[in-house]
Each structure stands twice: as C-alpha cells, then as structure tokens.
C-alpha atoms as a PDB file:
ATOM      1  CA  MET A   1      -4.932 -18.820  -1.458  1.00  0.00           C
ATOM      2  CA  ARG A   2      -3.394 -16.566  -4.061  1.00  0.00           C
ATOM      3  CA  PHE A   3      -1.149 -13.635  -3.222  1.00  0.00           C
ATOM      4  CA  TYR A   4       1.386 -11.200  -4.561  1.00  0.00           C
ATOM      5  CA  ILE A   5       4.234  -9.169  -3.128  1.00  0.00           C
ATOM      6  CA  PRO A   6       3.699  -5.518  -4.151  1.00  0.00           C
ATOM      7  CA  LEU A   7       6.275  -4.057  -6.500  1.00  0.00           C
ATOM      8  CA  GLU A   8       8.426  -1.318  -4.973  1.00  0.00           C
ATOM      9  CA  GLU A   9      10.412   1.623  -6.295  1.00  0.00           C
ATOM     10  CA  THR A  10      13.365   3.417  -4.676  1.00  0.00           C
ATOM     11  CA  PHE A  11      13.999   7.158  -4.990  1.00  0.00           C
ATOM     12  CA  SER A  12      17.368   8.633  -4.024  1.00  0.00           C
ATOM     13  CA  THR A  13      19.285  11.862  -3.630  1.00  0.00           C
ATOM     14  CA  THR A  14      22.883  12.721  -2.720  1.00  0.00           C
ATOM     15  CA  ASP A  15      24.287  15.380  -0.399  1.00  0.00           C
ATOM     16  CA  ASN A  16      27.945  15.686   0.623  1.00  0.00           C
ATOM     17  CA  ASN A  17      28.746  12.414  -1.131  1.00  0.00           C
ATOM     18  CA  LYS A  18      26.153  10.559   0.939  1.00  0.00           C
ATOM     19  CA  THR A  19      23.102   8.953  -0.674  1.00  0.00           C
ATOM     20  CA  TYR A  20      19.656   9.060   0.929  1.00  0.00           C
ATOM     21  CA  THR A  21      16.815   6.827  -0.241  1.00  0.00           C
ATOM     22  CA  THR A  22      13.115   6.366   0.303  1.00  0.00           C
ATOM     23  CA  LYS A  23      10.894   3.546  -0.899  1.00  0.00           C
ATOM     24  CA  TYR A  24       7.396   3.633  -2.356  1.00  0.00           C
ATOM     25  CA  TYR A  25       5.185   1.025  -3.887  1.00  0.00           C
ATOM     26  CA  GLN A  26       5.584   1.094  -7.679  1.00  0.00           C
ATOM     27  CA  THR A  27       4.625   4.631  -8.738  1.00  0.00           C
ATOM     28  CA  HIS A  28       2.935   6.085 -11.784  1.00  0.00           C
ATOM     29  CA  LYS A  29       4.200   7.299 -15.140  1.00  0.00           C
ATOM     30  CA  SER A  30       1.869  10.317 -15.097  1.00  0.00           C
ATOM     31  CA  ILE A  31      -1.138  11.662 -13.201  1.00  0.00           C
ATOM     32  CA  THR A  32      -3.740  14.409 -13.679  1.00  0.00           C
ATOM     33  CA  GLY A  33      -6.563  15.685 -11.483  1.00  0.00           C
ATOM     34  CA  VAL A  34      -4.423  15.812  -8.334  1.00  0.00           C
ATOM     35  CA  THR A  35      -3.229  19.039  -6.722  1.00  0.00           C
ATOM     36  CA  ASN A  36       0.039  19.065  -4.776  1.00  0.00           C
ATOM     37  CA  THR A  37       0.758  21.662  -2.101  1.00  0.00           C
ATOM     38  CA  ILE A  38       4.531  21.907  -2.274  1.00  0.00           C
ATOM     39  CA  PRO A  39       6.791  24.275  -0.311  1.00  0.00           C
ATOM     40  CA  PRO A  40       9.955  25.685  -1.945  1.00  0.00           C
ATOM     41  CA  ASP A  41      12.812  23.275  -2.595  1.00  0.00           C
ATOM     42  CA  TYR A  42      15.356  22.966   0.208  1.00  0.00           C
ATOM     43  CA  ASP A  43      18.053  25.670   0.006  1.00  0.00           C
ATOM     44  CA  SER A  44      21.265  25.004   1.939  1.00  0.00           C
ATOM     45  CA  SER A  45      22.054  28.748   2.085  1.00  0.00           C
ATOM     46  CA  LYS A  46      18.728  29.597   3.751  1.00  0.00           C
ATOM     47  CA  SER A  47      18.205  29.797   7.515  1.00  0.00           C
ATOM     48  CA  TYR A  48      14.938  28.028   8.343  1.00  0.00           C
ATOM     49  CA  SER A  49      12.666  28.943  11.231  1.00  0.00           C
ATOM     50  CA  ILE A  50      10.860  26.458  13.421  1.00  0.00           C
ATOM     51  CA  GLY A  51       7.814  25.077  11.618  1.00  0.00           C
ATOM     52  CA  GLU A  52       9.041  26.138   8.175  1.00  0.00           C
ATOM     53  CA  LYS A  53       8.862  23.466   5.488  1.00  0.00           C
ATOM     54  CA  ALA A  54      11.177  22.503   2.630  1.00  0.00           C
ATOM     55  CA  TYR A  55      10.789  20.078  -0.250  1.00  0.00           C
ATOM     56  CA  ILE A  56      13.244  17.449  -1.488  1.00  0.00           C
ATOM     57  CA  PRO A  57      12.027  16.841  -5.077  1.00  0.00           C
ATOM     58  CA  GLU A  58      14.140  13.724  -5.681  1.00  0.00           C
ATOM     59  CA  LEU A  59      12.425  11.971  -2.750  1.00  0.00           C
ATOM     60  CA  LYS A  60       8.971  13.530  -3.332  1.00  0.00           C
ATOM     61  CA  ARG A  61       8.920  14.414   0.382  1.00  0.00           C
ATOM     62  CA  VAL A  62       8.342  17.469   2.563  1.00  0.00           C
ATOM     63  CA  TYR A  63      10.326  18.187   5.734  1.00  0.00           C
ATOM     64  CA  MET A  64       9.569  20.591   8.596  1.00  0.00           C
ATOM     65  CA  SER A  65      12.230  22.441  10.567  1.00  0.00           C
ATOM     66  CA  LEU A  66      12.248  21.706  14.301  1.00  0.00           C
ATOM     67  CA  GLU A  67      14.554  24.583  15.200  1.00  0.00           C
ATOM     68  CA  ASN A  68      15.178  28.255  14.455  1.00  0.00           C
ATOM     69  CA  ASN A  69      18.357  29.277  12.613  1.00  0.00           C
ATOM     70  CA  ASN A  70      18.364  25.887  10.909  1.00  0.00           C
ATOM     71  CA  GLN A  71      20.911  26.274   8.116  1.00  0.00           C
ATOM     72  CA  GLY A  72      23.087  23.843   6.180  1.00  0.00           C
ATOM     73  CA  ASN A  73      21.462  20.749   7.661  1.00  0.00           C
ATOM     74  CA  PHE A  74      20.201  18.486   4.881  1.00  0.00           C
ATOM     75  CA  PRO A  75      16.664  17.428   5.940  1.00  0.00           C
ATOM     76  CA  PRO A  76      16.775  13.646   5.338  1.00  0.00           C
ATOM     77  CA  SER A  77      19.950  13.369   7.410  1.00  0.00           C
ATOM     78  CA  GLU A  78      19.162  15.587  10.380  1.00  0.00           C
ATOM     79  CA  VAL A  79      17.244  15.317  13.649  1.00  0.00           C
ATOM     80  CA  LYS A  80      16.620  19.060  13.208  1.00  0.00           C
ATOM     81  CA  TRP A  81      13.986  18.202  10.619  1.00  0.00           C
ATOM     82  CA  LYS A  82      10.795  16.139  10.779  1.00  0.00           C
ATOM     83  CA  ASP A  83       9.696  14.053   7.799  1.00  0.00           C
ATOM     84  CA  TRP A  84       6.313  15.613   6.974  1.00  0.00           C
ATOM     85  CA  GLY A  85       5.433  12.916   4.443  1.00  0.00           C
ATOM     86  CA  SER A  86       5.108  12.661   0.692  1.00  0.00           C
ATOM     87  CA  ILE A  87       3.258  15.095  -1.538  1.00  0.00           C
ATOM     88  CA  ASN A  88      -0.372  14.350  -2.395  1.00  0.00           C
ATOM     89  CA  GLU A  89       0.124  12.355  -5.607  1.00  0.00           C
ATOM     90  CA  TYR A  90       2.552   9.927  -3.909  1.00  0.00           C
ATOM     91  CA  LYS A  91       0.609   9.300  -0.687  1.00  0.00           C
ATOM     92  CA  MET A  92      -1.180   6.296  -2.228  1.00  0.00           C
ATOM     93  CA  PHE A  93       2.223   4.638  -2.770  1.00  0.00           C
ATOM     94  CA  ASN A  94       3.447   5.062   0.824  1.00  0.00           C
ATOM     95  CA  LEU A  95       5.021   2.187   2.728  1.00  0.00           C
ATOM     96  CA  ASP A  96       5.118   1.369   6.424  1.00  0.00           C
ATOM     97  CA  GLU A  97       4.751   4.278   8.856  1.00  0.00           C
ATOM     98  CA  PHE A  98       3.073   6.534   6.273  1.00  0.00           C
ATOM     99  CA  ILE A  99       0.752   3.887   4.866  1.00  0.00           C
ATOM    100  CA  GLY A 100      -2.903   4.853   5.141  1.00  0.00           C
ATOM    101  CA  GLU A 101      -2.442   8.449   4.033  1.00  0.00           C
ATOM    102  CA  CYS A 102      -4.692   9.161   1.055  1.00  0.00           C
ATOM    103  CA  THR A 103      -4.175  10.747  -2.345  1.00  0.00           C
ATOM    104  CA  THR A 104      -7.161  12.942  -3.157  1.00  0.00           C
ATOM    105  CA  GLY A 105      -8.305  14.686  -6.325  1.00  0.00           C
ATOM    106  CA  THR A 106     -11.108  15.197  -8.828  1.00  0.00           C
ATOM    107  CA  ASN A 107     -11.496  13.349 -12.149  1.00  0.00           C
ATOM    108  CA  VAL A 108      -8.146  11.657 -11.649  1.00  0.00           C
ATOM    109  CA  GLU A 109      -6.281   9.862 -14.436  1.00  0.00           C
ATOM    110  CA  ILE A 110      -3.269   7.685 -13.551  1.00  0.00           C
ATOM    111  CA  THR A 111      -1.032   6.028 -16.143  1.00  0.00           C
ATOM    112  CA  PHE A 112       1.426   3.185 -15.484  1.00  0.00           C
ATOM    113  CA  ASP A 113       3.984   1.509 -17.707  1.00  0.00           C
ATOM    114  CA  ASN A 114       3.334  -2.225 -17.984  1.00  0.00           C
ATOM    115  CA  ASN A 115       6.065  -3.570 -15.746  1.00  0.00           C
ATOM    116  CA  LYS A 116       5.807  -7.257 -14.853  1.00  0.00           C
ATOM    117  CA  PHE A 117       2.483  -7.131 -13.011  1.00  0.00           C
ATOM    118  CA  ASN A 118      -0.879  -8.755 -13.629  1.00  0.00           C
ATOM    119  CA  TYR A 119      -2.869  -7.482 -10.654  1.00  0.00           C
ATOM    120  CA  ILE A 120      -3.684  -4.039  -9.289  1.00  0.00           C
ATOM    121  CA  SER A 121      -5.257  -3.492  -5.864  1.00  0.00           C
ATOM    122  CA  LEU A 122      -7.027  -0.286  -4.851  1.00  0.00           C
ATOM    123  CA  LEU A 123      -7.531  -0.080  -1.090  1.00  0.00           C
ATOM    124  CA  ASN A 124      -9.561   2.384   0.981  1.00  0.00           C
ATOM    125  CA  ILE A 125     -10.920   4.047  -2.134  1.00  0.00           C
ATOM    126  CA  GLU A 126     -13.800   6.334  -3.071  1.00  0.00           C
ATOM    127  CA  PHE A 127     -14.879   7.488  -6.553  1.00  0.00           C
ATOM    128  CA  GLU A 128     -17.933   7.731  -8.819  1.00  0.00           C
ATOM    129  CA  HIS A 129     -16.786   5.666 -11.803  1.00  0.00           C
ATOM    130  CA  LEU A 130     -13.549   3.956 -12.844  1.00  0.00           C
ATOM    131  CA  THR A 131     -12.448   2.867 -16.325  1.00  0.00           C
ATOM    132  CA  VAL A 132      -9.352   0.663 -16.567  1.00  0.00           C
ATOM    133  CA  THR A 133      -7.736   0.555 -20.020  1.00  0.00           C
ATOM    134  CA  GLN A 134      -4.684  -1.507 -20.970  1.00  0.00           C
ATOM    135  CA  THR A 135      -2.891  -0.964 -24.271  1.00  0.00           C
ATOM    136  CA  ASP A 136       0.006  -2.746 -25.945  1.00  0.00           C
ATOM    137  CA  ASN A 137       3.149  -1.203 -27.385  1.00  0.00           C
ATOM    138  CA  ASN A 138       1.226  -0.176 -30.531  1.00  0.00           C
ATOM    139  CA  ASN A 139      -1.415   1.616 -28.446  1.00  0.00           C
ATOM    140  CA  VAL A 140      -4.002  -1.063 -29.252  1.00  0.00           C
ATOM    141  CA  VAL A 141      -6.532  -1.656 -26.460  1.00  0.00           C
ATOM    142  CA  ILE A 142      -6.137  -5.208 -25.122  1.00  0.00           C
ATOM    143  CA  LEU A 143      -8.290  -4.892 -21.994  1.00  0.00           C
ATOM    144  CA  GLN A 144     -10.957  -2.541 -20.666  1.00  0.00           C
ATOM    145  CA  LYS A 145     -12.955  -2.797 -17.422  1.00  0.00           C
ATOM    146  CA  GLU A 146     -15.592  -0.579 -15.811  1.00  0.00           C
ATOM    147  CA  TYR A 147     -16.297  -0.157 -12.080  1.00  0.00           C
ATOM    148  CA  ASP A 148     -19.167   1.691 -10.399  1.00  0.00           C
ATOM    149  CA  GLY A 149     -18.020   3.385  -7.213  1.00  0.00           C
ATOM    150  CA  SER A 150     -21.491   3.277  -5.668  1.00  0.00           C
ATOM    151  CA  ILE A 151     -21.546  -0.532  -5.429  1.00  0.00           C
ATOM    152  CA  ILE A 152     -18.078  -1.384  -4.109  1.00  0.00           C
ATOM    153  CA  SER A 153     -19.186  -0.927  -0.491  1.00  0.00           C
ATOM    154  CA  ALA A 154     -21.115  -3.508   1.504  1.00  0.00           C
ATOM    155  CA  SER A 155     -24.737  -2.574   2.145  1.00  0.00           C
ATOM    156  CA  ASN A 156     -24.876  -4.405   5.494  1.00  0.00           C
ATOM    157  CA  TRP A 157     -22.640  -6.081   8.070  1.00  0.00           C
ATOM    158  CA  SER A 158     -23.521  -9.575   6.896  1.00  0.00           C
ATOM    159  CA  ASP A 159     -22.147  -8.818   3.419  1.00  0.00           C
ATOM    160  CA  TYR A 160     -18.993  -7.254   4.880  1.00  0.00           C
ATOM    161  CA  TRP A 161     -18.163 -10.186   7.147  1.00  0.00           C
ATOM    162  CA  TYR A 162     -19.004 -13.117   4.904  1.00  0.00           C
ATOM    163  CA  PHE A 163     -18.783 -12.110   1.232  1.00  0.00           C
ATOM    164  CA  TYR A 164     -15.433 -10.854  -0.037  1.00  0.00           C
ATOM    165  CA  LYS A 165     -16.873  -9.522  -3.293  1.00  0.00           C
ATOM    166  CA  THR A 166     -18.617  -6.780  -1.338  1.00  0.00           C
ATOM    167  CA  LYS A 167     -15.717  -5.927   0.912  1.00  0.00           C
ATOM    168  CA  ILE A 168     -15.764  -2.254   1.781  1.00  0.00           C
ATOM    169  CA  ASN A 169     -13.688   0.135  -0.349  1.00  0.00           C
ATOM    170  CA  THR A 170     -11.477  -2.467  -2.037  1.00  0.00           C
ATOM    171  CA  ILE A 171     -11.098  -3.316  -5.725  1.00  0.00           C
ATOM    172  CA  GLN A 172      -8.902  -6.053  -7.193  1.00  0.00           C
ATOM    173  CA  ILE A 173      -8.157  -5.562 -10.904  1.00  0.00           C
ATOM    174  CA  PRO A 174      -6.673  -8.416 -12.975  1.00  0.00           C
ATOM    175  CA  VAL A 175      -4.788  -7.189 -16.044  1.00  0.00           C
ATOM    176  CA  LYS A 176      -2.731  -8.908 -18.740  1.00  0.00           C
ATOM    177  CA  PHE A 177       0.953  -9.566 -18.057  1.00  0.00           C
ATOM    178  CA  ARG A 178       3.004  -7.454 -20.460  1.00  0.00           C
ATOM    179  CA  LEU A 179       6.506  -6.000 -20.632  1.00  0.00           C
ATOM    180  CA  ASN A 180       5.444  -2.953 -22.644  1.00  0.00           C
ATOM    181  CA  GLY A 181       2.449  -0.708 -23.214  1.00  0.00           C
ATOM    182  CA  GLU A 182       0.401   1.115 -20.588  1.00  0.00           C
ATOM    183  CA  VAL A 183      -2.354   0.687 -18.022  1.00  0.00           C
ATOM    184  CA  LYS A 184      -4.567   3.731 -17.448  1.00  0.00           C
ATOM    185  CA  LEU A 185      -6.972   4.263 -14.529  1.00  0.00           C
ATOM    186  CA  ASN A 186      -9.560   6.966 -15.229  1.00  0.00           C
ATOM    187  CA  PHE A 187     -11.639   8.006 -12.185  1.00  0.00           C
ATOM    188  CA  THR A 188     -14.562  10.432 -12.261  1.00  0.00           C
ATOM    189  CA  GLY A 189     -15.929  12.521  -9.402  1.00  0.00           C
ATOM    190  CA  ASN A 190     -14.199  13.205  -6.105  1.00  0.00           C
ATOM    191  CA  VAL A 191     -11.480  10.593  -5.638  1.00  0.00           C
ATOM    192  CA  LYS A 192      -9.703   9.213  -2.572  1.00  0.00           C
ATOM    193  CA  ILE A 193      -7.097   6.437  -2.805  1.00  0.00           C
ATOM    194  CA  GLY A 194      -5.576   5.064   0.389  1.00  0.00           C
ATOM    195  CA  SER A 195      -3.186   2.603  -1.258  1.00  0.00           C
ATOM    196  CA  LEU A 196      -2.524   1.526  -4.835  1.00  0.00           C
ATOM    197  CA  VAL A 197      -0.321  -1.535  -5.216  1.00  0.00           C
ATOM    198  CA  MET A 198       0.434  -3.971  -8.008  1.00  0.00           C
ATOM    199  CA  GLY A 199       2.292  -7.213  -8.506  1.00  0.00           C
ATOM    200  CA  GLN A 200       2.416 -10.632 -10.131  1.00  0.00           C
ATOM    201  CA  LEU A 201      -0.177 -13.077  -8.797  1.00  0.00           C
ATOM    202  CA  GLU A 202       1.057 -16.421  -7.427  1.00  0.00           C
ATOM    203  CA  GLU A 203      -0.387 -19.423  -5.640  1.00  0.00           C
ATOM    204  CA  LEU A 204       0.484 -19.410  -1.951  1.00  0.00           C
ATOM    205  CA  GLY A 205       0.384 -23.195  -1.692  1.00  0.00           C
ATOM    206  CA  CYS A 206      -2.260 -23.487   1.026  1.00  0.00           C
ATOM    207  CA  ALA A 207      -5.807 -22.596   2.020  1.00  0.00           C
ATOM    208  CA  LEU A 208      -6.561 -20.263   4.944  1.00  0.00           C
ATOM    209  CA  PHE A 209      -9.480 -20.732   7.332  1.00  0.00           C
ATOM    210  CA  GLY A 210     -10.248 -17.972   9.849  1.00  0.00           C
ATOM    211  CA  THR A 211     -10.648 -18.948  13.496  1.00  0.00           C
ATOM    212  CA  ALA A 212     -10.761 -15.551  15.211  1.00  0.00           C
ATOM    213  CA  ILE A 213     -10.311 -11.874  14.482  1.00  0.00           C
ATOM    214  CA  HIS A 214      -9.183  -9.254  16.960  1.00  0.00           C
ATOM    215  CA  TYR A 215      -8.703  -5.516  16.797  1.00  0.00           C
ATOM    216  CA  LYS A 216      -5.767  -3.734  18.375  1.00  0.00           C
ATOM    217  CA  SER A 217      -5.701   0.026  18.902  1.00  0.00           C
ATOM    218  CA  GLU A 218      -2.770   1.812  17.296  1.00  0.00           C
ATOM    219  CA  SER A 219      -3.523   5.226  18.811  1.00  0.00           C
ATOM    220  CA  ASP A 220      -0.884   7.000  20.867  1.00  0.00           C
ATOM    221  CA  ILE A 221      -0.053  10.321  22.517  1.00  0.00           C
ATOM    222  CA  GLU A 222       2.567  12.572  20.920  1.00  0.00           C
ATOM    223  CA  ILE A 223       4.244  15.691  22.297  1.00  0.00           C
ATOM    224  CA  ASP A 224       4.248  18.275  19.500  1.00  0.00           C
ATOM    225  CA  PRO A 225       7.902  19.352  18.916  1.00  0.00           C
ATOM    226  CA  ILE A 226       6.895  22.970  18.293  1.00  0.00           C
ATOM    227  CA  THR A 227       4.034  23.773  20.668  1.00  0.00           C
ATOM    228  CA  LYS A 228       4.993  21.130  23.283  1.00  0.00           C
ATOM    229  CA  THR A 229       1.304  20.304  23.629  1.00  0.00           C
ATOM    230  CA  ARG A 230      -0.017  16.771  23.995  1.00  0.00           C
ATOM    231  CA  LYS A 231      -1.832  15.378  21.011  1.00  0.00           C
ATOM    232  CA  VAL A 232      -3.691  12.094  20.665  1.00  0.00           C
ATOM    233  CA  ASN A 233      -2.997  10.443  17.325  1.00  0.00           C
ATOM    234  CA  ARG A 234      -6.001   8.324  16.385  1.00  0.00           C
ATOM    235  CA  TYR A 235      -4.585   5.749  13.989  1.00  0.00           C
ATOM    236  CA  GLY A 236      -7.562   3.453  14.448  1.00  0.00           C
ATOM    237  CA  SER A 237      -7.351  -0.283  14.961  1.00  0.00           C
ATOM    238  CA  VAL A 238      -5.234  -2.980  13.366  1.00  0.00           C
ATOM    239  CA  LYS A 239      -6.999  -6.176  12.333  1.00  0.00           C
ATOM    240  CA  ILE A 240      -5.297  -9.385  13.479  1.00  0.00           C
ATOM    241  CA  LEU A 241      -6.713 -12.508  11.842  1.00  0.00           C
ATOM    242  CA  ASN A 242      -5.892 -15.850  13.417  1.00  0.00           C
ATOM    243  CA  VAL A 243      -5.978 -18.434  10.638  1.00  0.00           C
ATOM    244  CA  LYS A 244      -5.573 -22.144  10.156  1.00  0.00           C
ATOM    245  CA  VAL A 245      -3.142 -22.937   7.352  1.00  0.00           C
ATOM    246  CA  ALA A 246      -4.051 -26.124   5.492  1.00  0.00           C
ATOM    247  CA  TYR A 247      -1.891 -27.628   2.748  1.00  0.00           C
ATOM    248  CA  LYS A 248      -1.176 -30.977   1.149  1.00  0.00           C
ATOM    249  CA  LYS A 249       2.117 -32.805   1.085  1.00  0.00           C
ATOM    250  CA  ASN A 250       2.799 -31.917  -2.550  1.00  0.00           C
ATOM    251  CA  GLU A 251       2.310 -28.199  -1.751  1.00  0.00           C
ATOM    252  CA  PHE A 252       5.030 -28.071   0.913  1.00  0.00           C
ATOM    253  CA  LYS A 253       7.830 -26.874  -1.362  1.00  0.00           C
ATOM    254  CA  LYS A 254       5.758 -24.025  -2.812  1.00  0.00           C
ATOM    255  CA  LEU A 255       4.552 -22.851   0.607  1.00  0.00           C
ATOM    256  CA  ASN A 256       8.045 -23.099   2.082  1.00  0.00           C
ATOM    257  CA  ASN A 257       9.642 -21.097  -0.749  1.00  0.00           C
ATOM    258  CA  ASN A 258       6.911 -18.456  -0.541  1.00  0.00           C
ATOM    259  CA  ALA A 259       7.257 -18.171   3.246  1.00  0.00           C
ATOM    260  CA  ILE A 260      10.948 -17.278   2.924  1.00  0.00           C
ATOM    261  CA  ASN A 261      10.057 -14.280   0.746  1.00  0.00           C
ATOM    262  CA  MET A 262       6.888 -13.230   2.620  1.00  0.00           C
ATOM    263  CA  ILE A 263       7.926 -12.973   6.264  1.00  0.00           C
ATOM    264  CA  ASP A 264       8.244  -9.359   7.447  1.00  0.00           C
ATOM    265  CA  ARG A 265       6.859  -7.970   4.181  1.00  0.00           C
ATOM    266  CA  ASN A 266       3.444  -6.617   3.288  1.00  0.00           C
ATOM    267  CA  ILE A 267       1.658  -8.911   0.867  1.00  0.00           C
ATOM    268  CA  VAL A 268      -1.689  -8.708  -0.902  1.00  0.00           C
ATOM    269  CA  PHE A 269      -4.089 -11.610  -0.358  1.00  0.00           C
ATOM    270  CA  ILE A 270      -6.386 -12.569  -3.235  1.00  0.00           C
ATOM    271  CA  PRO A 271      -8.716 -15.201  -1.767  1.00  0.00           C
ATOM    272  CA  SER A 272     -10.398 -18.052  -3.580  1.00  0.00           C
ATOM    273  CA  ASP A 273     -13.667 -19.672  -2.567  1.00  0.00           C
ATOM    274  CA  ASP A 274     -11.771 -22.147  -0.343  1.00  0.00           C
ATOM    275  CA  ASP A 275     -10.262 -19.408   1.834  1.00  0.00           C
ATOM    276  CA  LEU A 276     -13.026 -18.918   4.370  1.00  0.00           C
ATOM    277  CA  PHE A 277     -12.850 -15.610   6.313  1.00  0.00           C
ATOM    278  CA  SER A 278      -9.372 -14.746   4.984  1.00  0.00           C
ATOM    279  CA  PRO A 279     -10.792 -11.941   2.775  1.00  0.00           C
ATOM    280  CA  LEU A 280     -11.190  -9.897   5.955  1.00  0.00           C
ATOM    281  CA  ILE A 281      -7.608  -8.762   5.366  1.00  0.00           C
ATOM    282  CA  THR A 282      -6.348  -7.580   1.966  1.00  0.00           C
ATOM    283  CA  LEU A 283      -2.924  -6.049   2.661  1.00  0.00           C
ATOM    284  CA  GLY A 284      -1.085  -7.521   5.625  1.00  0.00           C
ATOM    285  CA  TYR A 285       1.832  -9.605   6.799  1.00  0.00           C
ATOM    286  CA  PHE A 286       2.564 -12.843   8.663  1.00  0.00           C
ATOM    287  CA  ASP A 287       4.173 -12.268  12.047  1.00  0.00           C
ATOM    288  CA  ASN A 288       5.392 -15.889  11.892  1.00  0.00           C
ATOM    289  CA  LEU A 289       4.583 -19.021   9.950  1.00  0.00           C
ATOM    290  CA  LEU A 290       5.190 -22.458  11.477  1.00  0.00           C
ATOM    291  CA  ILE A 291       5.276 -25.169   8.813  1.00  0.00           C
ATOM    292  CA  PRO A 292       5.126 -28.769  10.127  1.00  0.00           C
ATOM    293  CA  ILE A 293       7.591 -31.139   8.457  1.00  0.00           C
ATOM    294  CA  GLU A 294       6.093 -34.455   9.511  1.00  0.00           C
ATOM    295  CA  ASN A 295       5.044 -36.905   6.854  1.00  0.00           C
ATOM    296  CA  PRO A 296       1.253 -37.242   6.646  1.00  0.00           C
ATOM    297  CA  THR A 297      -0.597 -36.590   3.403  1.00  0.00           C
ATOM    298  CA  SER A 298      -1.884 -33.213   4.585  1.00  0.00           C
ATOM    299  CA  TYR A 299      -0.930 -30.656   7.203  1.00  0.00           C
ATOM    300  CA  GLU A 300      -2.578 -28.019   9.344  1.00  0.00           C
ATOM    301  CA  THR A 301      -1.027 -25.252  11.415  1.00  0.00           C
ATOM    302  CA  GLU A 302      -2.004 -21.798  12.703  1.00  0.00           C
ATOM    303  CA  THR A 303      -0.595 -18.294  12.354  1.00  0.00           C
ATOM    304  CA  ASN A 304      -1.605 -14.640  12.561  1.00  0.00           C
ATOM    305  CA  ILE A 305      -1.985 -12.235   9.664  1.00  0.00           C
ATOM    306  CA  ILE A 306      -1.513  -8.626  10.774  1.00  0.00           C
ATOM    307  CA  GLY A 307      -3.761  -6.415   8.678  1.00  0.00           C
ATOM    308  CA  VAL A 308      -2.247  -3.201   7.380  1.00  0.00           C
ATOM    309  CA  ILE A 309      -5.389  -2.324   5.389  1.00  0.00           C
END
C-alpha cells in the first residue's frame, strides 16, 4: 500500500497581542472561475446584530454574530460568534469539522507552486474536462495530462465495489517532484470540488486486505442559536473499513515509523493491485494500529480505517 500525508498550511491573525490560527490543506497560488460571497471585514467599532456576518480576511473565514449589540468582541476568540466556515475558494482545502464542504465554480483554473509534492488527489469532484499542466522554473511544460469528467464515475455497483480505477468522483494525479515551477489545473464546465489535497507518495510497508465494511450515520440534531428551532443535520454516513494488515519481517521498521506519523491524522491511500478492497476509502485515518513484534518471517494483524471521504 502506498500513501501520503496531505500537506497543510496555517493562516494566522493577531488581535490584542494574541494570535489566532486556522489550518487548511495546502492552498493555491491563484484561482479563477470561482465566485466568493464575502461580507464586510470585521470592524471592532461596529455593533453587530444577531445573524449579522463579518469576515476575517487573514483566516479566509466568515463569522456570524450570535447576539445583538455585539461590539469589540473579536470573532475567532468569542463565544458570541459562530464560525460560519471558509469562503468558497477555500472550502476544498478544509480540514476536520468543515471537511466535505465543496468549492463550486465554472471553468475553474487553479495554480499551485511546486512545493515538495508528487501526488494530487481530487475527491468528490464533478467537471466536464480537466487539463493538468506542470511547468518548470523556466515555464517549460514537463508534464500534461487530460481527464474526461464523464468517465470518472462507476457505471454500475460492481465496478464501484471491486475496481478502484472506476471509483466514484475521485481522481489521483501523479506529478513530477519539483522545488520550483507551477502545476495548473484547468477545469471546464460546472465544477464542484469536495477536497483537493497533495503530498509526497511513500510506501506504507504493508498490504491491506478488506474483511468488512460498515457505515455509521453522522447525522445529528442541532438547536439553531438564532431561531431556537430544531434542525436535523444530515452529514451522511462514515465508511469504516476493517482491514487485515499483512507485512514481512523486513518491512517492520518502515511500517512502524510510518505508524508513528499517521495515527490521528488524515492520510490519502493510493492502493496497488495487492491491496484488495482497500480502495473503498481514499482519505481516512487509522483509529489504532496494532503491530505484532514476534519473530516469524511475516505478520498479520487487523485494524480499522475510518473513511473521511
């Protein structure tokens, strides 16, 4: 099994000598074809009414006031504000509780600086056509790939369950490892991107064999802070894949070192032909990983992969 830990980026802002941060997956250098609906920047001299929104540009996030006469309370620091999420162009880079929100647009072009990655994953995505172009520091094209949006989805359930190349709404893009230059993604048509992540591909040090898959509902009931009405949040189901982990004695060190860095972090799985059923989860995390330390020539254990997407 191959994998990578998605690159992350931290944005920060300071108020009253206190620094506030938010993390995203590695973000873009530039983007076109995406419209952002942005409220006015937060103004400490303004008195905000309940439901009124303010924007913190350094964090790329919108906040909504939960009270009337809300003045002088910096949104990221206060319970008087609700984090309303990132603006449209940054939704595809969300982590954790905001993951799954989608960036939408038309004829979208996204440019990234080459920055120590050799794989890009597009998850929960819709488009007509995609051209991926990588250039070096002299603007010379060193890689170009084309993808047809009409054929990335599985045509039947058999393809979805058993053949990872037709997995629904997921594209894995290998690029060349460079420390300079650019990678450009040019989408045509109406575009939706649930998550866009990138990283440096590594060998996990084992093969994964699926034994069972279960679905857990993540829906809940929320009391709206403004209207006080009950609202059912339908977050859908989380995929939990129970897998057998098989590795040889000489792979122990690699698997052990990787496990230290992987636990409690989202990782992207890039399966090989030996990893039966594991392609059912692309972005997920291990809830635990028991590694036997006996002394046979090969080992086998079991764990769960919690699917984020």
